[in-house]
């Protein structure tokens, strides 16, 4: 199958270009998935940014430095907010009364242009880049897909470009890892535009693929992302590797490896969700890579499509 969604406008292509982490816990209830969040300490990533704010972006935004976790909404001429489906924002952990909004986090609903599976079992990594990512890169002997948080992109530009130089695919994971269905239309635009600008300013490309944090996506979020030419990437299997970082740990590495071995032995195919945000999840990711082998695919390869909307180098 070939997924190649055309952006509503290519105008965006002219742009070259206090944080709260939250650990999600998934609870299955009557077929719906709800999420509870464990808030971690706030960090002002903008003060740690090492990617300089490029002039073209300052000209567009009027800002001289990267913003914090709640980036300002910058209107873009190719996004008509009046054309966005009228589904009201909902807090994390709540679900709409029916499936009309096609919520993945509540009902595992898939839309026509979502990339949600793969012909072979393949790893994907969220929440980086981090100081632990280089170890993962050294331990991988196949190409994979990294969904990066914009605030981390401008904090670790050298690592971001190391991922790129190693031939891996880079996708958007929003600017500051917000639950998108809980935001206003303007806030969703801000989360995506600032993430895209961070990737472009750092890696000189415009992303084609995005993964919504916590799987939080519905047709309102999708329609806004489509305006940027992006498609949602979901998953078939979740390692829940982040649970190794809870206190006390609620998942062990051996449990993760047993799950992956079971998926492989059963002949399963699809995308696996992992993280490169912690040393523990990186170590697990390296071992999972060994279990699955080198036949893995990037998301773009899984759906026979393009890597990026545009590259500038």
Protein backbone atom coordinates (compact mmCIF):
# COMPACT_ATOMS: atom_id res chain seq x y z
CA UNK A 1 0.00 0.00 0.00
CA UNK A 2 1.14 3.53 -0.72
CA UNK A 3 0.19 6.43 1.56
CA UNK A 4 1.11 9.80 0.12
CA UNK A 5 -1.15 12.55 1.36
CA UNK A 6 -0.75 15.87 -0.46
CA UNK A 7 -0.61 18.97 1.75
CA UNK A 8 -3.42 21.48 1.39
CA UNK A 9 -0.79 24.14 0.77
CA UNK A 10 2.92 24.10 0.12
CA UNK A 11 3.26 27.60 1.56
CA UNK A 12 4.72 26.07 4.72
CA UNK A 13 7.65 24.72 2.70
CA UNK A 14 9.20 28.18 2.51
CA UNK A 15 10.04 27.96 6.18
CA UNK A 16 13.39 26.38 6.89
CA UNK A 17 12.85 25.35 9.63
CA UNK A 18 8.60 25.43 32.09
CA UNK A 19 8.35 21.82 30.39
CA UNK A 20 6.34 19.07 32.14
CA UNK A 21 7.03 15.47 31.30
CA UNK A 22 4.17 13.08 31.83
CA UNK A 23 4.29 9.32 32.02
CA UNK A 24 1.09 7.76 30.64
CA UNK A 25 -0.62 4.77 32.18
CA UNK A 26 -3.12 2.97 29.98
CA UNK A 27 -6.27 1.42 31.43
CA UNK A 28 -8.54 -0.75 29.28
CA UNK A 29 -12.22 -0.10 30.02
CA UNK A 30 -14.99 -1.51 27.83
CA UNK A 31 -12.85 -1.33 24.72
CA UNK A 32 -11.77 2.25 25.34
CA UNK A 33 -8.34 3.35 26.44
CA UNK A 34 -8.07 6.07 29.05
CA UNK A 35 -4.87 7.68 30.20
CA UNK A 36 -3.71 8.85 33.60
CA UNK A 37 -0.65 11.05 33.86
CA UNK A 38 2.14 11.11 36.39
CA UNK A 39 3.53 14.61 36.29
CA UNK A 40 7.28 14.93 36.61
CA UNK A 41 9.31 18.03 37.46
CA UNK A 42 9.09 21.03 35.15
CA UNK A 43 12.16 21.96 33.13
CA UNK A 44 12.51 25.13 31.11
CA UNK A 45 13.94 23.54 27.99
CA UNK A 46 13.98 26.86 26.15
CA UNK A 47 16.83 27.97 28.40
CA UNK A 48 18.76 24.82 27.37
CA UNK A 49 18.26 25.17 23.61
CA UNK A 50 21.49 25.04 21.64
CA UNK A 51 19.99 25.27 18.15
CA UNK A 52 20.03 29.01 17.40
CA UNK A 53 16.76 30.65 16.42
CA UNK A 54 17.25 31.22 12.66
CA UNK A 55 16.52 34.62 11.16
CA UNK A 56 13.80 33.26 8.87
CA UNK A 57 11.94 31.95 11.92
CA UNK A 58 12.39 35.17 13.87
CA UNK A 59 10.98 37.04 10.89
CA UNK A 60 7.93 34.74 10.81
CA UNK A 61 7.26 34.60 14.56
CA UNK A 62 8.65 37.88 15.88
CA UNK A 63 10.56 35.93 18.57
CA UNK A 64 14.29 35.87 19.21
CA UNK A 65 14.48 32.59 21.18
CA UNK A 66 12.72 29.24 21.34
CA UNK A 67 9.55 29.24 23.50
CA UNK A 68 8.73 27.15 26.55
CA UNK A 69 6.27 24.27 26.84
CA UNK A 70 3.27 26.40 25.79
CA UNK A 71 4.43 27.90 22.50
CA UNK A 72 2.60 30.87 21.02
CA UNK A 73 0.15 30.28 18.21
CA UNK A 74 1.44 31.78 14.96
CA UNK A 75 -1.35 32.07 12.34
CA UNK A 76 -0.52 30.49 8.97
CA UNK A 77 -2.34 31.44 5.79
CA UNK A 78 -2.93 27.84 4.68
CA UNK A 79 -4.75 26.79 7.86
CA UNK A 80 -8.44 27.72 8.00
CA UNK A 81 -9.52 27.14 11.58
CA UNK A 82 -13.17 27.48 10.55
CA UNK A 83 -12.81 24.33 8.43
CA UNK A 84 -11.66 22.16 11.37
CA UNK A 85 -14.23 19.57 12.57
CA UNK A 86 -16.16 20.82 15.57
CA UNK A 87 -15.19 18.25 18.19
CA UNK A 88 -14.70 19.94 21.57
CA UNK A 89 -11.41 19.54 23.47
CA UNK A 90 -11.48 16.77 26.07
CA UNK A 91 -9.15 16.30 29.01
CA UNK A 92 -6.70 13.41 29.07
CA UNK A 93 -8.32 10.37 30.61
CA UNK A 94 -11.79 11.11 29.23
CA UNK A 95 -13.51 9.80 26.12
CA UNK A 96 -16.23 11.15 23.82
CA UNK A 97 -19.69 9.55 24.04
CA UNK A 98 -19.38 7.85 20.63
CA UNK A 99 -16.89 7.01 17.86
CA UNK A 100 -17.82 9.88 15.53
CA UNK A 101 -14.52 11.70 16.13
CA UNK A 102 -12.51 8.53 15.35
CA UNK A 103 -10.42 8.65 18.52
CA UNK A 104 -7.48 6.25 18.58
CA UNK A 105 -6.72 6.66 22.29
CA UNK A 106 -10.32 5.83 23.24
CA UNK A 107 -11.54 3.44 20.54
CA UNK A 108 -8.44 2.45 18.54
CA UNK A 109 -10.16 4.10 15.58
CA UNK A 110 -8.02 4.34 12.44
CA UNK A 111 -8.54 6.93 9.71
CA UNK A 112 -7.92 6.46 5.99
CA UNK A 113 -4.45 8.04 5.99
CA UNK A 114 -3.11 6.79 9.33
CA UNK A 115 0.02 4.63 9.17
CA UNK A 116 -0.71 2.04 11.80
CA UNK A 117 1.01 -1.22 10.86
CA UNK A 118 3.91 -2.75 8.93
CA UNK A 119 4.56 -5.92 6.90
CA UNK A 120 7.30 -6.91 9.36
CA UNK A 121 7.70 -6.35 13.10
CA UNK A 122 9.54 -3.03 13.33
CA UNK A 123 10.64 -0.82 16.20
CA UNK A 124 9.82 2.88 16.55
CA UNK A 125 11.14 5.24 19.23
CA UNK A 126 9.44 8.25 20.84
CA UNK A 127 10.34 11.23 23.06
CA UNK A 128 13.96 11.86 22.06
CA UNK A 129 16.47 12.89 21.23
CA UNK A 130 18.04 12.44 24.65
CA UNK A 131 21.49 11.99 26.11
CA UNK A 132 20.87 8.22 25.88
CA UNK A 133 20.06 8.20 22.16
CA UNK A 134 23.67 7.87 20.90
CA UNK A 135 24.00 4.53 22.71
CA UNK A 136 20.91 3.31 20.91
CA UNK A 137 22.28 4.47 17.58
CA UNK A 138 25.50 2.56 18.23
CA UNK A 139 23.52 -0.57 19.08
CA UNK A 140 21.20 -0.64 16.06
CA UNK A 141 22.14 -2.48 12.87
CA UNK A 142 19.00 -1.55 10.95
CA UNK A 143 17.11 1.61 10.03
CA UNK A 144 14.25 2.70 12.28
CA UNK A 145 11.98 5.67 12.96
CA UNK A 146 12.42 8.28 15.70
CA UNK A 147 9.51 10.56 16.69
CA UNK A 148 11.16 13.57 18.28
CA UNK A 149 9.91 16.21 20.72
CA UNK A 150 10.66 19.69 19.40
CA UNK A 151 12.01 21.00 22.70
CA UNK A 152 14.47 18.10 22.75
CA UNK A 153 15.42 18.67 19.11
CA UNK A 154 16.68 22.19 19.84
CA UNK A 155 18.32 20.98 23.06
CA UNK A 156 20.23 18.12 21.40
CA UNK A 157 20.77 19.23 17.78
CA UNK A 158 23.98 17.22 17.36
CA UNK A 159 22.22 14.02 18.41
CA UNK A 160 19.27 14.83 16.16
CA UNK A 161 21.59 15.18 13.19
CA UNK A 162 23.44 12.01 14.20
CA UNK A 163 20.13 10.16 13.87
CA UNK A 164 19.67 11.71 10.45
CA UNK A 165 23.22 10.96 9.32
CA UNK A 166 22.82 7.32 10.36
CA UNK A 167 19.99 7.03 7.85
CA UNK A 168 17.08 6.76 10.25
CA UNK A 169 13.71 8.39 9.63
CA UNK A 170 12.74 11.36 11.78
CA UNK A 171 9.14 12.25 12.58
CA UNK A 172 7.29 14.82 14.67
CA UNK A 173 6.14 14.09 18.24
CA UNK A 174 4.88 17.65 18.89
CA UNK A 175 6.74 20.52 20.51
CA UNK A 176 6.27 19.62 24.19
CA UNK A 177 4.49 16.26 24.34
CA UNK A 178 0.97 17.55 25.00
CA UNK A 179 -2.21 15.47 24.82
CA UNK A 180 -3.51 17.00 21.59
CA UNK A 181 -7.27 16.29 21.92
CA UNK A 182 -7.22 18.33 25.14
CA UNK A 183 -6.01 21.47 23.36
CA UNK A 184 -7.75 24.20 21.40
CA UNK A 185 -7.30 24.32 17.63
CA UNK A 186 -4.80 27.15 18.00
CA UNK A 187 -2.81 25.22 20.60
CA UNK A 188 -2.67 22.14 18.36
CA UNK A 189 -1.37 24.27 15.49
CA UNK A 190 1.28 25.71 17.82
CA UNK A 191 2.39 22.26 19.00
CA UNK A 192 2.86 21.12 15.41
CA UNK A 193 4.27 24.26 13.81
CA UNK A 194 6.94 24.76 16.48
CA UNK A 195 7.95 21.11 16.30
CA UNK A 196 8.22 21.33 12.51
CA UNK A 197 10.23 24.53 12.76
CA UNK A 198 12.60 22.92 15.28
CA UNK A 199 13.16 19.95 12.95
CA UNK A 200 13.69 22.23 9.96
CA UNK A 201 16.04 24.64 11.76
CA UNK A 202 18.08 21.68 13.04
CA UNK A 203 17.88 19.05 10.30
CA UNK A 204 16.85 21.05 7.21
CA UNK A 205 13.71 19.04 6.40
CA UNK A 206 9.93 19.12 6.79
CA UNK A 207 8.46 15.99 8.41
CA UNK A 208 5.88 13.83 6.71
CA UNK A 209 5.03 11.65 9.72
CA UNK A 210 3.90 12.50 13.24
CA UNK A 211 3.02 10.39 16.25
CA UNK A 212 0.49 11.94 18.64
CA UNK A 213 1.65 11.70 22.28
CA UNK A 214 -0.25 9.03 24.22
CA UNK A 215 -1.93 8.02 20.95
CA UNK A 216 -4.15 11.07 21.49
CA UNK A 217 -5.59 11.71 18.05
CA UNK A 218 -9.05 12.23 16.59
CA UNK A 219 -10.40 13.73 13.39
CA UNK A 220 -9.96 17.29 14.67
CA UNK A 221 -6.26 16.71 15.32
CA UNK A 222 -5.86 14.82 12.04
CA UNK A 223 -7.41 17.62 10.00
CA UNK A 224 -5.00 20.19 11.45
CA UNK A 225 -2.00 17.91 10.86
CA UNK A 226 -3.12 17.29 7.27
CA UNK A 227 -2.88 21.03 6.62
CA UNK A 228 0.86 20.61 7.24
CA UNK A 229 0.93 17.60 4.91
CA UNK A 230 1.54 15.21 7.80
CA UNK A 231 0.01 11.80 8.53
CA UNK A 232 -0.44 10.14 11.90
CA UNK A 233 1.62 7.07 12.82
CA UNK A 234 0.15 4.74 15.42
CA UNK A 235 1.20 1.25 16.52
CA UNK A 236 0.24 -2.41 16.85
CA UNK A 237 2.25 -3.31 19.96
CA UNK A 238 3.30 -1.31 23.02
CA UNK A 239 6.28 -2.47 25.07
CA UNK A 240 5.30 -0.15 27.95
CA UNK A 241 9.05 0.26 28.42
CA UNK A 242 8.52 3.58 30.23
CA UNK A 243 7.10 1.57 33.15
CA UNK A 244 10.68 0.62 34.01
CA UNK A 245 11.04 4.25 35.13
CA UNK A 246 8.07 4.36 37.51
CA UNK A 247 8.70 4.17 41.26
CA UNK A 248 8.67 1.34 41.97
CA UNK A 249 9.19 -0.07 38.45
CA UNK A 250 6.01 -1.71 37.14
CA UNK A 251 7.68 -3.42 34.18
CA UNK A 252 10.96 -5.28 33.89
CA UNK A 253 13.27 -5.64 30.94
CA UNK A 254 12.81 -9.41 30.97
CA UNK A 255 9.02 -8.96 30.69
CA UNK A 256 9.52 -6.71 27.67
CA UNK A 257 11.83 -9.22 26.01
CA UNK A 258 9.38 -12.06 26.66
CA UNK A 259 6.57 -10.02 25.09
CA UNK A 260 8.64 -9.31 21.98
CA UNK A 261 9.72 -12.94 21.66
CA UNK A 262 6.07 -13.97 21.88
CA UNK A 263 5.04 -11.50 19.18
CA UNK A 264 7.81 -12.74 16.91
CA UNK A 265 7.14 -16.43 17.55
CA UNK A 266 3.45 -15.97 16.76
CA UNK A 267 4.30 -14.57 13.34
CA UNK A 268 3.01 -11.12 14.16
CA UNK A 269 3.70 -8.12 11.97
CA UNK A 270 3.35 -4.42 12.75
CA UNK A 271 4.83 -1.40 14.51
CA UNK A 272 6.23 -1.58 18.06
CA UNK A 273 6.20 1.45 20.36
CA UNK A 274 9.37 2.13 22.38
CA UNK A 275 11.20 5.15 23.79
CA UNK A 276 14.74 6.56 23.66
CA UNK A 277 14.21 9.00 26.52
CA UNK A 278 15.88 6.93 29.25
CA UNK A 279 18.97 4.77 29.62
CA UNK A 280 16.77 1.84 30.67
CA UNK A 281 14.54 2.03 27.59
CA UNK A 282 17.55 2.44 25.31
CA UNK A 283 19.18 -0.69 26.77
CA UNK A 284 15.89 -2.54 26.25
CA UNK A 285 15.61 -1.22 22.71
CA UNK A 286 19.03 -2.57 21.80
CA UNK A 287 18.10 -6.02 23.07
CA UNK A 288 14.74 -5.90 21.26
CA UNK A 289 16.63 -5.04 18.08
CA UNK A 290 18.69 -8.20 18.49
CA UNK A 291 15.54 -10.28 19.03
CA UNK A 292 13.81 -8.93 15.92
CA UNK A 293 16.81 -8.85 13.60
CA UNK A 294 17.79 -6.64 10.69
CA UNK A 295 14.75 -7.00 8.41
CA UNK A 296 12.94 -4.14 10.12
CA UNK A 297 11.55 -1.18 8.17
CA UNK A 298 11.07 2.53 8.71
CA UNK A 299 7.50 3.80 8.82
CA UNK A 300 7.86 5.24 5.31
CA UNK A 301 9.04 1.85 4.06
CA UNK A 302 6.18 0.11 5.84
CA UNK A 303 3.61 2.03 3.80
CA UNK A 304 5.73 2.52 0.64
CA UNK A 305 5.82 6.30 0.88
CA UNK A 306 8.18 9.25 1.17
CA UNK A 307 10.47 10.06 4.10
CA UNK A 308 9.92 13.82 4.24
CA UNK A 309 7.72 16.41 2.58
CA UNK A 310 10.82 18.39 1.65
CA UNK A 311 14.53 18.39 2.37
CA UNK A 312 16.85 21.37 2.03
CA UNK A 313 20.26 19.71 1.70
